[in-house]
Amino acid sequence: MESRYSKTPGRTLSAPSQRSVKLARALLAGWVVAGPIYIVVALIQALTRPGFELTRHDISLLSNGELGWIQITNFVLTGLLVIAGAVGMHWAIQSGRGRIWAPLLVAIYGFGLIGAGVFVADPMNGFPPGTSADANTMSISGMLHFISGGVGFLALIAACFVFARRFAGLAQPGWAQYSIATGIIFLLAFMGIASGSGHALTVIGFWIGVIFAWTWLALLGIRHRTGLSEV
């Protein structure tokens, strides 16, 4: 068992340890629910907000307009849940490969999401309605949004490979390969959207990459919460 809190033969967990396990499991739930919240809220907006096109507009543009507060809240809330899950992961795993860096890198991703919410992306590509189709100016807020998102995405990609190395050391090739695949898919998706081409394939590719990344994170949360269940 990978958890530092798991029972060992002939030993009973003390009351404080039991409380710590429950707290760690509660925090890890952040990784389980953050992705579904992020994706569902973003998709509902993408499909219902006037002028927004899935094949043309980035998720970040939803932070603009009168209803922009919904996506801003989505960024900040899911960022906080990711950070909470990272704390739970740090408590859940034993010393070894990636014990420090794996949860830390995911926490940086969480802070990147919060930054992306605090600093709103600049309107562009005709969204929100009334924005020029060729608008390409970048404000300070837009620049900080790009930096926050970029740092967060790179941290999450790095976390995929750190977890892959950890799983390889634990002789769990399935999880190692899954983590590598997720890292590569999300890296390609990020490179496509960062190119600024605005092509439908890069926009849809980024949505796919985001779904892959959130799914991986949720499954990690479920896996480690299960490992903490023996209390």
Protein backbone atom coordinates (compact mmCIF):
# COMPACT_ATOMS: atom_id res chain seq x y z
CA MET A 1 0.00 0.00 0.00
CA GLU A 2 1.36 3.37 -1.02
CA SER A 3 -0.25 5.47 1.69
CA ARG A 4 1.84 6.52 4.62
CA TYR A 5 -1.28 6.16 6.74
CA SER A 6 -2.16 2.59 5.82
CA LYS A 7 -2.47 0.01 8.54
CA THR A 8 0.37 -2.39 9.17
CA PRO A 9 0.04 -5.84 10.78
CA GLY A 10 -0.14 -5.68 14.56
CA ARG A 11 -0.43 -1.92 14.62
CA THR A 12 -3.49 0.26 15.12
CA LEU A 13 -3.63 3.82 13.94
CA SER A 14 -3.87 6.39 16.69
CA ALA A 15 -6.78 8.80 16.79
CA PRO A 16 -4.74 11.71 15.36
CA SER A 17 -3.59 9.51 12.46
CA GLN A 18 -7.18 8.52 11.75
CA ARG A 19 -8.15 12.18 11.65
CA SER A 20 -5.22 12.88 9.35
CA VAL A 21 -6.31 10.14 6.98
CA LYS A 22 -9.86 11.51 6.86
CA LEU A 23 -8.53 15.00 6.19
CA ALA A 24 -6.21 13.74 3.45
CA ARG A 25 -9.08 11.89 1.78
CA ALA A 26 -11.26 14.99 1.98
CA LEU A 27 -8.55 17.12 0.39
CA LEU A 28 -7.90 14.56 -2.36
CA ALA A 29 -11.57 14.82 -3.28
CA GLY A 30 -10.61 18.21 -4.70
CA TRP A 31 -8.89 16.46 -7.61
CA VAL A 32 -11.90 14.23 -8.15
CA VAL A 33 -14.48 17.00 -8.45
CA ALA A 34 -12.43 19.88 -9.88
CA GLY A 35 -12.32 18.50 -13.42
CA PRO A 36 -16.04 17.75 -13.79
CA ILE A 37 -16.88 21.19 -12.39
CA TYR A 38 -14.44 22.94 -14.74
CA ILE A 39 -15.51 21.06 -17.86
CA VAL A 40 -19.28 21.15 -17.25
CA VAL A 41 -19.34 24.85 -16.37
CA ALA A 42 -17.13 25.75 -19.34
CA LEU A 43 -19.11 23.63 -21.80
CA ILE A 44 -22.48 24.97 -20.66
CA GLN A 45 -21.22 28.49 -21.22
CA ALA A 46 -19.61 27.61 -24.54
CA LEU A 47 -22.88 26.15 -25.80
CA THR A 48 -25.20 28.86 -24.50
CA ARG A 49 -23.41 32.20 -24.52
CA PRO A 50 -24.26 34.28 -27.60
CA GLY A 51 -21.39 34.67 -30.04
CA PHE A 52 -19.17 31.95 -28.56
CA GLU A 53 -18.02 29.23 -30.96
CA LEU A 54 -16.36 26.03 -29.74
CA THR A 55 -14.23 25.76 -32.86
CA ARG A 56 -13.06 29.35 -32.78
CA HIS A 57 -12.83 30.71 -29.26
CA ASP A 58 -10.57 29.79 -26.35
CA ILE A 59 -12.07 28.85 -22.99
CA SER A 60 -10.43 31.89 -21.39
CA LEU A 61 -12.54 34.28 -23.47
CA LEU A 62 -15.57 33.22 -21.43
CA SER A 63 -14.25 35.45 -18.62
CA ASN A 64 -15.32 38.48 -20.66
CA GLY A 65 -18.72 40.13 -20.86
CA GLU A 66 -21.55 40.48 -18.36
CA LEU A 67 -21.49 36.76 -17.56
CA GLY A 68 -17.71 36.62 -17.40
CA TRP A 69 -17.88 36.24 -13.62
CA ILE A 70 -19.04 32.65 -14.12
CA GLN A 71 -15.81 31.54 -15.80
CA ILE A 72 -13.72 33.66 -13.44
CA THR A 73 -15.35 31.83 -10.53
CA ASN A 74 -14.80 28.55 -12.36
CA PHE A 75 -11.07 29.24 -12.67
CA VAL A 76 -10.66 30.30 -9.04
CA LEU A 77 -12.81 27.56 -7.51
CA THR A 78 -11.20 24.72 -9.44
CA GLY A 79 -7.77 26.19 -8.72
CA LEU A 80 -8.48 26.09 -4.99
CA LEU A 81 -9.71 22.49 -5.28
CA VAL A 82 -6.55 21.49 -7.14
CA ILE A 83 -4.36 23.06 -4.45
CA ALA A 84 -6.35 21.30 -1.73
CA GLY A 85 -5.89 17.99 -3.55
CA ALA A 86 -2.16 18.62 -3.82
CA VAL A 87 -1.93 19.04 -0.05
CA GLY A 88 -3.86 15.80 0.40
CA MET A 89 -1.55 14.04 -2.06
CA HIS A 90 1.51 15.24 -0.17
CA TRP A 91 0.11 13.66 2.98
CA ALA A 92 -1.02 10.51 1.21
CA ILE A 93 2.13 9.27 -0.50
CA GLN A 94 5.21 7.81 1.14
CA SER A 95 8.71 9.17 0.79
CA GLY A 96 10.20 8.27 -2.56
CA ARG A 97 10.32 9.44 -6.14
CA GLY A 98 8.23 12.53 -6.70
CA ARG A 99 6.93 12.78 -3.14
CA ILE A 100 7.69 16.51 -3.05
CA TRP A 101 7.63 17.52 -6.70
CA ALA A 102 4.56 15.60 -7.86
CA PRO A 103 2.03 17.38 -5.60
CA LEU A 104 3.97 20.66 -5.73
CA LEU A 105 3.80 20.86 -9.52
CA VAL A 106 0.06 20.17 -9.48
CA ALA A 107 -0.35 22.87 -6.81
CA ILE A 108 1.42 25.31 -9.16
CA TYR A 109 -1.17 24.38 -11.78
CA GLY A 110 -3.85 25.26 -9.23
CA PHE A 111 -2.28 28.66 -8.61
CA GLY A 112 -2.10 29.12 -12.39
CA LEU A 113 -5.85 28.58 -12.63
CA ILE A 114 -6.45 31.14 -9.91
CA GLY A 115 -4.19 33.60 -11.72
CA ALA A 116 -6.08 32.95 -14.95
CA GLY A 117 -9.27 33.88 -13.11
CA VAL A 118 -7.91 36.99 -11.43
CA PHE A 119 -6.31 38.30 -14.62
CA VAL A 120 -8.90 38.27 -17.40
CA ALA A 121 -7.93 37.43 -20.98
CA ASP A 122 -8.37 40.17 -23.56
CA PRO A 123 -11.45 40.04 -25.83
CA MET A 124 -10.58 38.76 -29.30
CA ASN A 125 -11.87 36.97 -32.39
CA GLY A 126 -15.23 38.69 -32.12
CA PHE A 127 -15.99 37.60 -28.54
CA PRO A 128 -17.72 38.91 -26.58
CA PRO A 129 -20.13 40.26 -29.21
CA GLY A 130 -19.06 43.71 -30.32
CA THR A 131 -15.36 42.85 -30.28
CA SER A 132 -13.57 43.32 -33.56
CA ALA A 133 -12.81 40.06 -35.37
CA ASP A 134 -9.17 41.11 -35.81
CA ALA A 135 -8.64 42.50 -32.29
CA ASN A 136 -5.16 41.48 -31.12
CA THR A 137 -4.10 44.00 -28.48
CA MET A 138 -2.76 42.66 -25.18
CA SER A 139 -3.35 44.48 -21.91
CA ILE A 140 -1.41 43.93 -18.69
CA SER A 141 -4.27 41.76 -17.45
CA GLY A 142 -4.20 39.75 -20.67
CA MET A 143 -0.45 39.27 -20.43
CA LEU A 144 -0.64 38.12 -16.80
CA HIS A 145 -3.47 35.76 -17.77
CA PHE A 146 -1.28 34.24 -20.47
CA ILE A 147 1.69 33.92 -18.09
CA SER A 148 -0.43 32.41 -15.30
CA GLY A 149 -2.01 29.90 -17.64
CA GLY A 150 1.28 29.05 -19.32
CA VAL A 151 3.14 28.43 -16.07
CA GLY A 152 0.24 26.36 -14.75
CA PHE A 153 -0.01 24.24 -17.89
CA LEU A 154 3.74 23.59 -18.00
CA ALA A 155 3.68 22.62 -14.31
CA LEU A 156 0.86 20.14 -14.92
CA ILE A 157 2.70 18.64 -17.90
CA ALA A 158 5.83 18.26 -15.78
CA ALA A 159 3.72 16.66 -13.02
CA CYS A 160 2.55 14.01 -15.50
CA PHE A 161 6.15 12.95 -16.13
CA VAL A 162 7.10 13.12 -12.45
CA PHE A 163 4.17 10.86 -11.58
CA ALA A 164 5.15 8.57 -14.48
CA ARG A 165 8.63 8.17 -13.01
CA ARG A 166 7.15 7.49 -9.60
CA PHE A 167 4.79 4.83 -10.94
CA ALA A 168 7.62 3.23 -12.90
CA GLY A 169 9.60 2.96 -9.66
CA LEU A 170 6.57 1.35 -8.02
CA ALA A 171 6.43 -1.25 -10.83
CA GLN A 172 3.07 0.09 -12.05
CA PRO A 173 3.69 0.42 -15.81
CA GLY A 174 0.04 1.02 -16.65
CA TRP A 175 -0.14 4.18 -14.58
CA ALA A 176 3.32 5.23 -15.76
CA GLN A 177 2.32 4.93 -19.42
CA TYR A 178 -1.01 6.64 -18.80
CA SER A 179 0.76 9.56 -17.12
CA ILE A 180 3.25 9.89 -19.99
CA ALA A 181 0.47 9.77 -22.58
CA THR A 182 -1.48 12.46 -20.73
CA GLY A 183 1.58 14.67 -20.50
CA ILE A 184 2.31 14.34 -24.22
CA ILE A 185 -1.31 14.95 -25.27
CA PHE A 186 -1.64 18.02 -23.05
CA LEU A 187 1.75 19.35 -24.20
CA LEU A 188 0.71 19.08 -27.85
CA ALA A 189 -2.64 20.71 -27.07
CA PHE A 190 -0.91 23.56 -25.25
CA MET A 191 1.59 24.07 -28.06
CA GLY A 192 -1.27 24.25 -30.54
CA ILE A 193 -3.24 26.86 -28.64
CA ALA A 194 -0.09 28.85 -27.73
CA SER A 195 0.75 29.15 -31.41
CA GLY A 196 -2.11 31.63 -31.72
CA SER A 197 -3.16 30.25 -35.09
CA GLY A 198 -6.83 30.26 -34.10
CA HIS A 199 -7.38 27.24 -36.34
CA ALA A 200 -10.37 25.09 -35.44
CA LEU A 201 -8.15 22.02 -35.02
CA THR A 202 -5.96 23.73 -32.41
CA VAL A 203 -8.97 25.06 -30.49
CA ILE A 204 -10.75 21.69 -30.44
CA GLY A 205 -7.41 19.98 -29.74
CA PHE A 206 -6.98 22.11 -26.65
CA TRP A 207 -10.45 21.18 -25.38
CA ILE A 208 -9.49 17.52 -25.85
CA GLY A 209 -6.19 18.05 -24.04
CA VAL A 210 -7.96 19.76 -21.14
CA ILE A 211 -10.41 16.86 -20.81
CA PHE A 212 -7.55 14.33 -20.85
CA ALA A 213 -5.64 16.27 -18.17
CA TRP A 214 -8.63 16.69 -15.85
CA THR A 215 -9.56 13.03 -16.25
CA TRP A 216 -6.03 11.95 -15.33
CA LEU A 217 -6.04 14.19 -12.27
CA ALA A 218 -9.44 12.90 -11.13
CA LEU A 219 -8.36 9.27 -11.49
CA LEU A 220 -5.22 10.00 -9.49
CA GLY A 221 -7.37 11.46 -6.74
CA ILE A 222 -9.66 8.43 -6.74
CA ARG A 223 -6.70 6.04 -6.72
CA HIS A 224 -5.01 7.62 -3.73
CA ARG A 225 -8.25 8.17 -1.81
CA THR A 226 -8.89 4.43 -2.17
CA GLY A 227 -5.43 3.75 -0.81
CA LEU A 228 -6.33 5.81 2.25
CA SER A 229 -9.61 4.02 2.92
CA GLU A 230 -8.31 1.44 5.38
CA VAL A 231 -8.80 3.40 8.58
